[in-house]
PDB file of N, CA and C in Angstrom:
ATOM      1  N   MET A   1      55.458 167.023 220.414  1.00  0.00           N
ATOM      2  CA  MET A   1      55.593 168.165 219.561  1.00  0.00           C
ATOM      3  C   MET A   1      57.003 168.727 219.639  1.00  0.00           C
ATOM      4  N   VAL A   2      57.563 168.766 220.823  1.00  0.00           N
ATOM      5  CA  VAL A   2      58.916 169.290 220.996  1.00  0.00           C
ATOM      6  C   VAL A   2      59.920 168.373 220.314  1.00  0.00           C
ATOM      7  N   ARG A   3      59.675 167.079 220.376  1.00  0.00           N
ATOM      8  CA  ARG A   3      60.586 166.108 219.754  1.00  0.00           C
ATOM      9  C   ARG A   3      60.649 166.323 218.242  1.00  0.00           C
ATOM     10  N   ARG A   4      59.498 166.575 217.609  1.00  0.00           N
ATOM     11  CA  ARG A   4      59.475 166.821 216.168  1.00  0.00           C
ATOM     12  C   ARG A   4      60.247 168.093 215.830  1.00  0.00           C
ATOM     13  N   PHE A   5      60.086 169.123 216.645  1.00  0.00           N
ATOM     14  CA  PHE A   5      60.782 170.382 216.407  1.00  0.00           C
ATOM     15  C   PHE A   5      62.292 170.191 216.512  1.00  0.00           C
ATOM     16  N   ILE A   6      62.737 169.416 217.493  1.00  0.00           N
ATOM     17  CA  ILE A   6      64.169 169.164 217.676  1.00  0.00           C
ATOM     18  C   ILE A   6      64.730 168.385 216.486  1.00  0.00           C
ATOM     19  N   ILE A   7      63.998 167.384 216.017  1.00  0.00           N
ATOM     20  CA  ILE A   7      64.447 166.597 214.861  1.00  0.00           C
ATOM     21  C   ILE A   7      64.553 167.493 213.628  1.00  0.00           C
ATOM     22  N   LEU A   8      63.535 168.327 213.392  1.00  0.00           N
ATOM     23  CA  LEU A   8      63.546 169.212 212.232  1.00  0.00           C
ATOM     24  C   LEU A   8      64.683 170.223 212.324  1.00  0.00           C
ATOM     25  N   ALA A   9      64.885 170.821 213.489  1.00  0.00           N
ATOM     26  CA  ALA A   9      65.962 171.789 213.658  1.00  0.00           C
ATOM     27  C   ALA A   9      67.320 171.122 213.437  1.00  0.00           C
ATOM     28  N   GLY A  10      67.495 169.916 213.951  1.00  0.00           N
ATOM     29  CA  GLY A  10      68.758 169.201 213.763  1.00  0.00           C
ATOM     30  C   GLY A  10      69.031 168.899 212.300  1.00  0.00           C
ATOM     31  N   LEU A  11      68.001 168.483 211.566  1.00  0.00           N
ATOM     32  CA  LEU A  11      68.183 168.205 210.141  1.00  0.00           C
ATOM     33  C   LEU A  11      68.540 169.465 209.365  1.00  0.00           C
ATOM     34  N   LEU A  12      67.906 170.574 209.705  1.00  0.00           N
ATOM     35  CA  LEU A  12      68.210 171.821 209.008  1.00  0.00           C
ATOM     36  C   LEU A  12      69.617 172.304 209.319  1.00  0.00           C
ATOM     37  N   ILE A  13      70.046 172.163 210.553  1.00  0.00           N
ATOM     38  CA  ILE A  13      71.390 172.608 210.933  1.00  0.00           C
ATOM     39  C   ILE A  13      72.451 171.750 210.258  1.00  0.00           C
ATOM     40  N   VAL A  14      72.293 170.444 210.345  1.00  0.00           N
ATOM     41  CA  VAL A  14      73.298 169.537 209.792  1.00  0.00           C
ATOM     42  C   VAL A  14      73.234 169.517 208.264  1.00  0.00           C
ATOM     43  N   GLY A  15      72.026 169.631 207.700  1.00  0.00           N
ATOM     44  CA  GLY A  15      71.873 169.552 206.254  1.00  0.00           C
ATOM     45  C   GLY A  15      72.538 170.687 205.508  1.00  0.00           C
ATOM     46  N   GLY A  16      72.662 171.856 206.103  1.00  0.00           N
ATOM     47  CA  GLY A  16      73.272 172.983 205.422  1.00  0.00           C
ATOM     48  C   GLY A  16      74.774 173.024 205.543  1.00  0.00           C
ATOM     49  N   CYS A  17      75.358 172.207 206.391  1.00  0.00           N
ATOM     50  CA  CYS A  17      76.799 172.285 206.648  1.00  0.00           C
ATOM     51  C   CYS A  17      77.614 171.487 205.636  1.00  0.00           C
ATOM     52  N   ALA A  18      77.241 170.269 205.363  1.00  0.00           N
ATOM     53  CA  ALA A  18      78.084 169.405 204.544  1.00  0.00           C
ATOM     54  C   ALA A  18      77.234 168.312 203.930  1.00  0.00           C
ATOM     55  N   TYR A  19      77.873 167.515 203.106  1.00  0.00           N
ATOM     56  CA  TYR A  19      77.194 166.358 202.550  1.00  0.00           C
ATOM     57  C   TYR A  19      78.200 165.206 202.471  1.00  0.00           C
ATOM     58  N   MET A  20      77.682 163.996 202.281  1.00  0.00           N
ATOM     59  CA  MET A  20      78.532 162.812 202.272  1.00  0.00           C
ATOM     60  C   MET A  20      78.994 162.493 200.849  1.00  0.00           C
ATOM     61  N   THR A  21      80.275 162.197 200.717  1.00  0.00           N
ATOM     62  CA  THR A  21      80.826 161.700 199.463  1.00  0.00           C
ATOM     63  C   THR A  21      81.387 160.313 199.721  1.00  0.00           C
ATOM     64  N   LYS A  22      81.942 159.681 198.683  1.00  0.00           N
ATOM     65  CA  LYS A  22      82.515 158.362 198.905  1.00  0.00           C
ATOM     66  C   LYS A  22      83.811 158.432 199.711  1.00  0.00           C
ATOM     67  N   ASN A  23      84.394 159.644 199.801  1.00  0.00           N
ATOM     68  CA  ASN A  23      85.601 159.819 200.607  1.00  0.00           C
ATOM     69  C   ASN A  23      85.307 160.314 202.016  1.00  0.00           C
ATOM     70  N   GLY A  24      84.051 160.595 202.319  1.00  0.00           N
ATOM     71  CA  GLY A  24      83.681 161.088 203.648  1.00  0.00           C
ATOM     72  C   GLY A  24      82.891 162.372 203.542  1.00  0.00           C
ATOM     73  N   ILE A  25      82.933 163.195 204.606  1.00  0.00           N
ATOM     74  CA  ILE A  25      82.188 164.444 204.635  1.00  0.00           C
ATOM     75  C   ILE A  25      82.974 165.510 203.884  1.00  0.00           C
ATOM     76  N   ALA A  26      82.273 166.287 203.044  1.00  0.00           N
ATOM     77  CA  ALA A  26      82.925 167.334 202.257  1.00  0.00           C
ATOM     78  C   ALA A  26      82.071 168.596 202.292  1.00  0.00           C
ATOM     79  N   ASP A  27      82.626 169.688 201.722  1.00  0.00           N
ATOM     80  CA  ASP A  27      81.870 170.933 201.618  1.00  0.00           C
ATOM     81  C   ASP A  27      80.718 170.753 200.639  1.00  0.00           C
ATOM     82  N   ALA A  28      79.870 171.759 200.585  1.00  0.00           N
ATOM     83  CA  ALA A  28      78.723 171.715 199.690  1.00  0.00           C
ATOM     84  C   ALA A  28      79.184 171.613 198.240  1.00  0.00           C
ATOM     85  N   PRO A  29      78.448 170.880 197.407  1.00  0.00           N
ATOM     86  CA  PRO A  29      78.860 170.716 196.012  1.00  0.00           C
ATOM     87  C   PRO A  29      78.742 172.029 195.256  1.00  0.00           C
ATOM     88  N   LYS A  30      79.555 172.190 194.240  1.00  0.00           N
ATOM     89  CA  LYS A  30      79.502 173.373 193.383  1.00  0.00           C
ATOM     90  C   LYS A  30      79.063 172.919 192.003  1.00  0.00           C
ATOM     91  N   PRO A  31      78.144 173.506 191.329  1.00  0.00           N
ATOM     92  CA  PRO A  31      77.313 174.619 191.758  1.00  0.00           C
ATOM     93  C   PRO A  31      76.140 174.131 192.603  1.00  0.00           C
ATOM     94  N   LEU A  32      75.614 174.998 193.419  1.00  0.00           N
ATOM     95  CA  LEU A  32      74.446 174.680 194.242  1.00  0.00           C
ATOM     96  C   LEU A  32      73.208 174.624 193.365  1.00  0.00           C
ATOM     97  N   PRO A  33      72.142 173.978 193.820  1.00  0.00           N
ATOM     98  CA  PRO A  33      70.922 173.909 193.012  1.00  0.00           C
ATOM     99  C   PRO A  33      70.365 175.301 192.716  1.00  0.00           C
ATOM    100  N   SER A  34      69.699 175.409 191.617  1.00  0.00           N
ATOM    101  CA  SER A  34      69.108 176.672 191.205  1.00  0.00           C
ATOM    102  C   SER A  34      68.005 177.083 192.179  1.00  0.00           C
ATOM    103  N   PRO A  35      67.886 178.380 192.484  1.00  0.00           N
ATOM    104  CA  PRO A  35      66.786 178.800 193.367  1.00  0.00           C
ATOM    105  C   PRO A  35      65.421 178.562 192.742  1.00  0.00           C
ATOM    106  N   TYR A  36      65.376 178.448 191.410  1.00  0.00           N
ATOM    107  CA  TYR A  36      64.106 178.171 190.755  1.00  0.00           C
ATOM    108  C   TYR A  36      63.579 176.793 191.133  1.00  0.00           C
ATOM    109  N   THR A  37      64.462 175.885 191.497  1.00  0.00           N
ATOM    110  CA  THR A  37      64.039 174.564 191.938  1.00  0.00           C
ATOM    111  C   THR A  37      63.163 174.680 193.175  1.00  0.00           C
ATOM    112  N   PHE A  38      63.542 175.516 194.106  1.00  0.00           N
ATOM    113  CA  PHE A  38      62.765 175.687 195.334  1.00  0.00           C
ATOM    114  C   PHE A  38      61.440 176.393 195.047  1.00  0.00           C
ATOM    115  N   PHE A  39      61.444 177.360 194.110  1.00  0.00           N
ATOM    116  CA  PHE A  39      60.206 178.032 193.740  1.00  0.00           C
ATOM    117  C   PHE A  39      59.246 177.048 193.067  1.00  0.00           C
ATOM    118  N   GLN A  40      59.792 176.160 192.245  1.00  0.00           N
ATOM    119  CA  GLN A  40      58.951 175.171 191.583  1.00  0.00           C
ATOM    120  C   GLN A  40      58.362 174.197 192.592  1.00  0.00           C
ATOM    121  N   LEU A  41      59.148 173.793 193.589  1.00  0.00           N
ATOM    122  CA  LEU A  41      58.640 172.908 194.633  1.00  0.00           C
ATOM    123  C   LEU A  41      57.527 173.598 195.423  1.00  0.00           C
ATOM    124  N   GLU A  42      57.717 174.874 195.732  1.00  0.00           N
ATOM    125  CA  GLU A  42      56.698 175.634 196.458  1.00  0.00           C
ATOM    126  C   GLU A  42      55.410 175.727 195.633  1.00  0.00           C
ATOM    127  N   ALA A  43      55.537 176.026 194.341  1.00  0.00           N
ATOM    128  CA  ALA A  43      54.359 176.121 193.475  1.00  0.00           C
ATOM    129  C   ALA A  43      53.674 174.763 193.329  1.00  0.00           C
ATOM    130  N   PHE A  44      54.452 173.703 193.203  1.00  0.00           N
ATOM    131  CA  PHE A  44      53.894 172.354 193.070  1.00  0.00           C
ATOM    132  C   PHE A  44      53.070 171.976 194.292  1.00  0.00           C
ATOM    133  N   THR A  45      53.607 172.212 195.493  1.00  0.00           N
ATOM    134  CA  THR A  45      52.864 171.851 196.702  1.00  0.00           C
ATOM    135  C   THR A  45      51.650 172.755 196.896  1.00  0.00           C
ATOM    136  N   LEU A  46      51.767 174.039 196.532  1.00  0.00           N
ATOM    137  CA  LEU A  46      50.640 174.958 196.687  1.00  0.00           C
ATOM    138  C   LEU A  46      49.499 174.594 195.747  1.00  0.00           C
ATOM    139  N   ILE A  47      49.816 174.209 194.523  1.00  0.00           N
ATOM    140  CA  ILE A  47      48.776 173.847 193.560  1.00  0.00           C
ATOM    141  C   ILE A  47      48.096 172.538 193.949  1.00  0.00           C
ATOM    142  N   ASN A  48      48.856 171.551 194.385  1.00  0.00           N
ATOM    143  CA  ASN A  48      48.295 170.224 194.638  1.00  0.00           C
ATOM    144  C   ASN A  48      47.674 170.058 196.018  1.00  0.00           C
ATOM    145  N   THR A  49      48.177 170.751 197.031  1.00  0.00           N
ATOM    146  CA  THR A  49      47.664 170.540 198.382  1.00  0.00           C
ATOM    147  C   THR A  49      47.044 171.787 198.991  1.00  0.00           C
ATOM    148  N   HIS A  50      47.112 172.922 198.304  1.00  0.00           N
ATOM    149  CA  HIS A  50      46.629 174.209 198.819  1.00  0.00           C
ATOM    150  C   HIS A  50      47.339 174.580 200.112  1.00  0.00           C
ATOM    151  N   LYS A  51      48.592 174.179 200.227  1.00  0.00           N
ATOM    152  CA  LYS A  51      49.438 174.498 201.375  1.00  0.00           C
ATOM    153  C   LYS A  51      50.839 174.801 200.860  1.00  0.00           C
ATOM    154  N   THR A  52      51.551 175.660 201.582  1.00  0.00           N
ATOM    155  CA  THR A  52      52.943 175.912 201.237  1.00  0.00           C
ATOM    156  C   THR A  52      53.819 174.888 201.938  1.00  0.00           C
ATOM    157  N   VAL A  53      55.103 174.868 201.595  1.00  0.00           N
ATOM    158  CA  VAL A  53      56.029 173.949 202.253  1.00  0.00           C
ATOM    159  C   VAL A  53      56.099 174.280 203.746  1.00  0.00           C
ATOM    160  N   GLY A  54      56.094 175.572 204.074  1.00  0.00           N
ATOM    161  CA  GLY A  54      56.094 175.985 205.475  1.00  0.00           C
ATOM    162  C   GLY A  54      54.852 175.521 206.214  1.00  0.00           C
ATOM    163  N   ASP A  55      53.698 175.518 205.526  1.00  0.00           N
ATOM    164  CA  ASP A  55      52.465 175.017 206.147  1.00  0.00           C
ATOM    165  C   ASP A  55      52.586 173.535 206.472  1.00  0.00           C
ATOM    166  N   HIS A  56      53.213 172.773 205.579  1.00  0.00           N
ATOM    167  CA  HIS A  56      53.405 171.344 205.843  1.00  0.00           C
ATOM    168  C   HIS A  56      54.308 171.138 207.059  1.00  0.00           C
ATOM    169  N   ILE A  57      55.347 171.949 207.177  1.00  0.00           N
ATOM    170  CA  ILE A  57      56.260 171.814 208.310  1.00  0.00           C
ATOM    171  C   ILE A  57      55.561 172.188 209.612  1.00  0.00           C
ATOM    172  N   VAL A  58      54.824 173.317 209.610  1.00  0.00           N
ATOM    173  CA  VAL A  58      54.094 173.729 210.820  1.00  0.00           C
ATOM    174  C   VAL A  58      53.037 172.694 211.175  1.00  0.00           C
ATOM    175  N   GLY A  59      52.334 172.161 210.185  1.00  0.00           N
ATOM    176  CA  GLY A  59      51.333 171.126 210.437  1.00  0.00           C
ATOM    177  C   GLY A  59      51.947 169.853 210.978  1.00  0.00           C
ATOM    178  N   TRP A  60      53.129 169.502 210.509  1.00  0.00           N
ATOM    179  CA  TRP A  60      53.816 168.307 211.010  1.00  0.00           C
ATOM    180  C   TRP A  60      54.225 168.501 212.461  1.00  0.00           C
ATOM    181  N   ILE A  61      54.685 169.702 212.804  1.00  0.00           N
ATOM    182  CA  ILE A  61      55.112 169.971 214.179  1.00  0.00           C
ATOM    183  C   ILE A  61      53.909 170.009 215.119  1.00  0.00           C
ATOM    184  N   THR A  62      52.832 170.693 214.727  1.00  0.00           N
ATOM    185  CA  THR A  62      51.679 170.850 215.614  1.00  0.00           C
ATOM    186  C   THR A  62      50.709 169.677 215.564  1.00  0.00           C
ATOM    187  N   GLY A  63      50.738 168.890 214.498  1.00  0.00           N
ATOM    188  CA  GLY A  63      49.802 167.778 214.364  1.00  0.00           C
ATOM    189  C   GLY A  63      48.426 168.235 213.905  1.00  0.00           C
ATOM    190  N   LYS A  64      48.334 169.428 213.303  1.00  0.00           N
ATOM    191  CA  LYS A  64      47.061 169.967 212.842  1.00  0.00           C
ATOM    192  C   LYS A  64      47.123 170.241 211.347  1.00  0.00           C
ATOM    193  N   ASP A  65      45.982 170.612 210.781  1.00  0.00           N
ATOM    194  CA  ASP A  65      45.871 170.950 209.365  1.00  0.00           C
ATOM    195  C   ASP A  65      46.054 172.452 209.232  1.00  0.00           C
ATOM    196  N   CYS A  66      47.227 172.906 208.764  1.00  0.00           N
ATOM    197  CA  CYS A  66      47.545 174.332 208.652  1.00  0.00           C
ATOM    198  C   CYS A  66      47.626 174.728 207.178  1.00  0.00           C
ATOM    199  N   SER A  67      47.092 175.919 206.845  1.00  0.00           N
ATOM    200  CA  SER A  67      47.088 176.375 205.463  1.00  0.00           C
ATOM    201  C   SER A  67      47.082 177.893 205.405  1.00  0.00           C
ATOM    202  N   SER A  68      48.081 178.477 204.713  1.00  0.00           N
ATOM    203  CA  SER A  68      48.152 179.931 204.533  1.00  0.00           C
ATOM    204  C   SER A  68      47.035 180.456 203.630  1.00  0.00           C
ATOM    205  N   PRO A  69      46.752 179.812 202.470  1.00  0.00           N
ATOM    206  CA  PRO A  69      45.661 180.327 201.632  1.00  0.00           C
ATOM    207  C   PRO A  69      44.316 180.330 202.355  1.00  0.00           C
ATOM    208  N   ARG A  70      44.080 179.361 203.214  1.00  0.00           N
ATOM    209  CA  ARG A  70      42.830 179.336 203.971  1.00  0.00           C
ATOM    210  C   ARG A  70      42.771 180.503 204.948  1.00  0.00           C
ATOM    211  N   SER A  71      43.905 180.844 205.570  1.00  0.00           N
ATOM    212  CA  SER A  71      43.905 181.956 206.523  1.00  0.00           C
ATOM    213  C   SER A  71      43.739 183.288 205.802  1.00  0.00           C
ATOM    214  N   GLU A  72      44.182 183.392 204.547  1.00  0.00           N
ATOM    215  CA  GLU A  72      43.978 184.619 203.782  1.00  0.00           C
ATOM    216  C   GLU A  72      42.514 184.827 203.417  1.00  0.00           C
ATOM    217  N   ARG A  73      41.733 183.742 203.372  1.00  0.00           N
ATOM    218  CA  ARG A  73      40.295 183.866 203.112  1.00  0.00           C
ATOM    219  C   ARG A  73      39.516 184.220 204.373  1.00  0.00           C
ATOM    220  N   GLY A  74      40.208 184.372 205.497  1.00  0.00           N
ATOM    221  CA  GLY A  74      39.548 184.756 206.740  1.00  0.00           C
ATOM    222  C   GLY A  74      39.254 183.592 207.666  1.00  0.00           C
ATOM    223  N   GLU A  75      39.638 182.383 207.289  1.00  0.00           N
ATOM    224  CA  GLU A  75      39.431 181.230 208.164  1.00  0.00           C
ATOM    225  C   GLU A  75      40.639 181.075 209.079  1.00  0.00           C
ATOM    226  N   GLU A  76      40.566 180.133 209.995  1.00  0.00           N
ATOM    227  CA  GLU A  76      41.676 179.922 210.918  1.00  0.00           C
ATOM    228  C   GLU A  76      42.856 179.252 210.207  1.00  0.00           C
ATOM    229  N   TYR A  77      44.079 179.559 210.666  1.00  0.00           N
ATOM    230  CA  TYR A  77      45.288 179.036 210.028  1.00  0.00           C
ATOM    231  C   TYR A  77      45.451 177.543 210.283  1.00  0.00           C
ATOM    232  N   CYS A  78      45.354 177.125 211.537  1.00  0.00           N
ATOM    233  CA  CYS A  78      45.468 175.705 211.890  1.00  0.00           C
ATOM    234  C   CYS A  78      44.155 175.229 212.494  1.00  0.00           C
ATOM    235  N   ARG A  79      43.714 174.054 212.071  1.00  0.00           N
ATOM    236  CA  ARG A  79      42.523 173.452 212.658  1.00  0.00           C
ATOM    237  C   ARG A  79      42.751 171.959 212.791  1.00  0.00           C
ATOM    238  N   ASP A  80      41.939 171.340 213.624  1.00  0.00           N
ATOM    239  CA  ASP A  80      42.077 169.906 213.841  1.00  0.00           C
ATOM    240  C   ASP A  80      41.682 169.151 212.577  1.00  0.00           C
ATOM    241  N   TRP A  81      42.273 167.973 212.401  1.00  0.00           N
ATOM    242  CA  TRP A  81      41.938 167.146 211.255  1.00  0.00           C
ATOM    243  C   TRP A  81      40.504 166.649 211.415  1.00  0.00           C
ATOM    244  N   PRO A  82      39.749 166.495 210.327  1.00  0.00           N
ATOM    245  CA  PRO A  82      38.371 165.986 210.448  1.00  0.00           C
ATOM    246  C   PRO A  82      38.385 164.533 210.912  1.00  0.00           C
ATOM    247  N   SER A  83      37.345 164.146 211.658  1.00  0.00           N
ATOM    248  CA  SER A  83      37.266 162.773 212.153  1.00  0.00           C
ATOM    249  C   SER A  83      36.849 161.837 211.015  1.00  0.00           C
ATOM    250  N   ARG A  84      37.116 160.575 211.202  1.00  0.00           N
ATOM    251  CA  ARG A  84      36.780 159.581 210.181  1.00  0.00           C
ATOM    252  C   ARG A  84      35.276 159.319 210.181  1.00  0.00           C
ATOM    253  N   PRO A  85      34.691 159.020 209.025  1.00  0.00           N
ATOM    254  CA  PRO A  85      33.255 158.715 208.988  1.00  0.00           C
ATOM    255  C   PRO A  85      32.992 157.366 209.644  1.00  0.00           C
ATOM    256  N   PRO A  86      31.774 157.149 210.161  1.00  0.00           N
ATOM    257  CA  PRO A  86      31.470 155.857 210.779  1.00  0.00           C
ATOM    258  C   PRO A  86      31.470 154.754 209.734  1.00  0.00           C
ATOM    259  N   PRO A  87      31.795 153.521 210.127  1.00  0.00           N
ATOM    260  CA  PRO A  87      31.821 152.422 209.147  1.00  0.00           C
ATOM    261  C   PRO A  87      30.407 152.085 208.681  1.00  0.00           C
ATOM    262  N   PRO A  88      30.271 151.559 207.466  1.00  0.00           N
ATOM    263  CA  PRO A  88      28.940 151.183 206.968  1.00  0.00           C
ATOM    264  C   PRO A  88      28.404 149.977 207.746  1.00  0.00           C
ATOM    265  N   PRO A  89      27.085 149.857 207.855  1.00  0.00           N
ATOM    266  CA  PRO A  89      26.514 148.725 208.596  1.00  0.00           C
ATOM    267  C   PRO A  89      26.677 147.422 207.819  1.00  0.00           C
ATOM    268  N   GLN A  90      26.546 146.315 208.537  1.00  0.00           N
ATOM    269  CA  GLN A  90      26.616 144.998 207.912  1.00  0.00           C
ATOM    270  C   GLN A  90      25.328 144.760 207.132  1.00  0.00           C
ATOM    271  N   VAL A  91      25.426 144.169 205.945  1.00  0.00           N
ATOM    272  CA  VAL A  91      24.276 143.974 205.064  1.00  0.00           C
ATOM    273  C   VAL A  91      24.149 142.490 204.723  1.00  0.00           C
ATOM    274  N   TYR A  92      22.896 141.939 204.834  1.00  0.00           N
ATOM    275  CA  TYR A  92      22.610 140.548 204.479  1.00  0.00           C
ATOM    276  C   TYR A  92      21.708 140.561 203.248  1.00  0.00           C
ATOM    277  N   CYS A  93      22.069 139.824 202.197  1.00  0.00           N
ATOM    278  CA  CYS A  93      21.297 139.794 200.955  1.00  0.00           C
ATOM    279  C   CYS A  93      20.732 138.399 200.717  1.00  0.00           C
ATOM    280  N   TYR A  94      19.438 138.340 200.377  1.00  0.00           N
ATOM    281  CA  TYR A  94      18.727 137.086 200.133  1.00  0.00           C
ATOM    282  C   TYR A  94      18.152 137.109 198.722  1.00  0.00           C
ATOM    283  N   SER A  95      18.024 135.923 198.128  1.00  0.00           N
ATOM    284  CA  SER A  95      17.452 135.841 196.785  1.00  0.00           C
ATOM    285  C   SER A  95      15.940 136.024 196.864  1.00  0.00           C
ATOM    286  N   SER A  96      15.395 136.664 195.843  1.00  0.00           N
ATOM    287  CA  SER A  96      13.948 136.848 195.726  1.00  0.00           C
ATOM    288  C   SER A  96      13.584 136.664 194.256  1.00  0.00           C
ATOM    289  N   LEU A  97      12.336 136.980 193.866  1.00  0.00           N
ATOM    290  CA  LEU A  97      11.906 136.750 192.492  1.00  0.00           C
ATOM    291  C   LEU A  97      12.673 137.620 191.490  1.00  0.00           C
ATOM    292  N   ALA A  98      12.801 138.880 191.747  1.00  0.00           N
ATOM    293  CA  ALA A  98      13.399 139.769 190.761  1.00  0.00           C
ATOM    294  C   ALA A  98      14.885 140.002 191.035  1.00  0.00           C
ATOM    295  N   LYS A  99      15.182 140.675 192.095  1.00  0.00           N
ATOM    296  CA  LYS A  99      16.571 140.979 192.429  1.00  0.00           C
ATOM    297  C   LYS A  99      16.787 140.692 193.915  1.00  0.00           C
ATOM    298  N   PRO A 100      18.011 140.574 194.343  1.00  0.00           N
ATOM    299  CA  PRO A 100      18.254 140.265 195.756  1.00  0.00           C
ATOM    300  C   PRO A 100      17.693 141.350 196.677  1.00  0.00           C
ATOM    301  N   SER A 101      17.170 140.916 197.812  1.00  0.00           N
ATOM    302  CA  SER A 101      16.684 141.826 198.853  1.00  0.00           C
ATOM    303  C   SER A 101      17.727 141.868 199.951  1.00  0.00           C
ATOM    304  N   CYS A 102      18.089 143.055 200.360  1.00  0.00           N
ATOM    305  CA  CYS A 102      19.145 143.210 201.357  1.00  0.00           C
ATOM    306  C   CYS A 102      18.588 143.850 202.621  1.00  0.00           C
ATOM    307  N   TYR A 103      19.049 143.362 203.768  1.00  0.00           N
ATOM    308  CA  TYR A 103      18.596 143.838 205.067  1.00  0.00           C
ATOM    309  C   TYR A 103      19.802 144.090 205.966  1.00  0.00           C
ATOM    310  N   THR A 104      19.568 144.873 207.015  1.00  0.00           N
ATOM    311  CA  THR A 104      20.642 145.144 207.979  1.00  0.00           C
ATOM    312  C   THR A 104      20.735 144.070 209.044  1.00  0.00           C
ATOM    313  N   GLN A 105      19.683 143.214 209.174  1.00  0.00           N
ATOM    314  CA  GLN A 105      19.698 142.106 210.135  1.00  0.00           C
ATOM    315  C   GLN A 105      19.387 140.821 209.390  1.00  0.00           C
ATOM    316  N   PRO A 106      19.811 139.675 209.932  1.00  0.00           N
ATOM    317  CA  PRO A 106      19.483 138.405 209.266  1.00  0.00           C
ATOM    318  C   PRO A 106      17.964 138.205 209.188  1.00  0.00           C
ATOM    319  N   TYR A 107      17.482 137.726 208.069  1.00  0.00           N
ATOM    320  CA  TYR A 107      16.059 137.500 207.832  1.00  0.00           C
ATOM    321  C   TYR A 107      15.876 135.994 207.722  1.00  0.00           C
ATOM    322  N   ASN A 108      15.338 135.376 208.765  1.00  0.00           N
ATOM    323  CA  ASN A 108      15.273 133.910 208.838  1.00  0.00           C
ATOM    324  C   ASN A 108      13.848 133.391 208.776  1.00  0.00           C
ATOM    325  N   GLU A 109      13.042 133.886 207.873  1.00  0.00           N
ATOM    326  CA  GLU A 109      11.671 133.398 207.758  1.00  0.00           C
ATOM    327  C   GLU A 109      11.478 132.754 206.396  1.00  0.00           C
ATOM    328  N   GLY A 110      10.815 131.638 206.369  1.00  0.00           N
ATOM    329  CA  GLY A 110      10.526 130.956 205.115  1.00  0.00           C
ATOM    330  C   GLY A 110      11.741 130.233 204.572  1.00  0.00           C
ATOM    331  N   ASN A 111      11.735 130.043 203.271  1.00  0.00           N
ATOM    332  CA  ASN A 111      12.816 129.336 202.596  1.00  0.00           C
ATOM    333  C   ASN A 111      13.768 130.311 201.914  1.00  0.00           C
ATOM    334  N   ASP A 112      14.112 131.355 202.586  1.00  0.00           N
ATOM    335  CA  ASP A 112      15.013 132.346 201.998  1.00  0.00           C
ATOM    336  C   ASP A 112      16.421 131.783 201.903  1.00  0.00           C
ATOM    337  N   HIS A 113      17.063 132.092 200.814  1.00  0.00           N
ATOM    338  CA  HIS A 113      18.417 131.615 200.560  1.00  0.00           C
ATOM    339  C   HIS A 113      19.381 132.795 200.682  1.00  0.00           C
ATOM    340  N   LEU A 114      20.302 132.695 201.639  1.00  0.00           N
ATOM    341  CA  LEU A 114      21.283 133.766 201.853  1.00  0.00           C
ATOM    342  C   LEU A 114      22.299 133.749 200.720  1.00  0.00           C
ATOM    343  N   LEU A 115      22.355 134.842 199.976  1.00  0.00           N
ATOM    344  CA  LEU A 115      23.335 134.966 198.899  1.00  0.00           C
ATOM    345  C   LEU A 115      24.708 135.317 199.444  1.00  0.00           C
ATOM    346  N   GLY A 116      24.722 136.105 200.485  1.00  0.00           N
ATOM    347  CA  GLY A 116      25.980 136.533 201.080  1.00  0.00           C
ATOM    348  C   GLY A 116      25.744 137.749 201.942  1.00  0.00           C
ATOM    349  N   PHE A 117      26.792 138.165 202.607  1.00  0.00           N
ATOM    350  CA  PHE A 117      26.676 139.362 203.426  1.00  0.00           C
ATOM    351  C   PHE A 117      27.970 140.142 203.339  1.00  0.00           C
ATOM    352  N   VAL A 118      27.850 141.426 203.561  1.00  0.00           N
ATOM    353  CA  VAL A 118      28.998 142.317 203.562  1.00  0.00           C
ATOM    354  C   VAL A 118      29.247 142.699 205.016  1.00  0.00           C
ATOM    355  N   PRO A 119      30.323 142.221 205.603  1.00  0.00           N
ATOM    356  CA  PRO A 119      30.565 142.555 207.015  1.00  0.00           C
ATOM    357  C   PRO A 119      30.949 144.020 207.165  1.00  0.00           C
ATOM    358  N   ALA A 120      30.628 144.561 208.319  1.00  0.00           N
ATOM    359  CA  ALA A 120      31.011 145.933 208.607  1.00  0.00           C
ATOM    360  C   ALA A 120      32.521 146.007 208.699  1.00  0.00           C
ATOM    361  N   SER A 121      33.082 147.095 208.189  1.00  0.00           N
ATOM    362  CA  SER A 121      34.526 147.220 208.199  1.00  0.00           C
ATOM    363  C   SER A 121      35.033 147.500 209.613  1.00  0.00           C
ATOM    364  N   THR A 122      36.221 146.989 209.889  1.00  0.00           N
ATOM    365  CA  THR A 122      36.824 147.221 211.197  1.00  0.00           C
ATOM    366  C   THR A 122      37.940 148.241 211.036  1.00  0.00           C
ATOM    367  N   PRO A 123      38.070 149.154 211.995  1.00  0.00           N
ATOM    368  CA  PRO A 123      39.121 150.165 211.859  1.00  0.00           C
ATOM    369  C   PRO A 123      40.506 149.540 211.970  1.00  0.00           C
ATOM    370  N   ILE A 124      41.426 150.052 211.187  1.00  0.00           N
ATOM    371  CA  ILE A 124      42.811 149.590 211.213  1.00  0.00           C
ATOM    372  C   ILE A 124      43.598 150.470 212.170  1.00  0.00           C
ATOM    373  N   ARG A 125      44.308 149.870 213.069  1.00  0.00           N
ATOM    374  CA  ARG A 125      45.085 150.631 214.047  1.00  0.00           C
ATOM    375  C   ARG A 125      46.547 150.504 213.758  1.00  0.00           C
TER     376      ARG A 125
END
């Protein structure tokens, strides 16, 4: 967490001082971007993610899901991310008279013909 804060602070400090040109480091370009650009970015992120830009930065530093609009509704500002749902079970499908019959375990009785199976998904690390 401290490492992320140091990286962010360094980018903010260095980013406001100068920028790179083809001749090297120079002063900030003239004219500077319109302040409406930043307001539009704030509105865009608030509408699409229900978080402000500051919420994204705080969430990135803490590793949690932080939201100002949620805290204004009386809920907590930062909360842990929800856990992933369990993977679906493996399914085996056999041909029958009308439509395929599917089971969670192999069905090896009679002359059943295995149409195929859907393996359970494995988590990606």
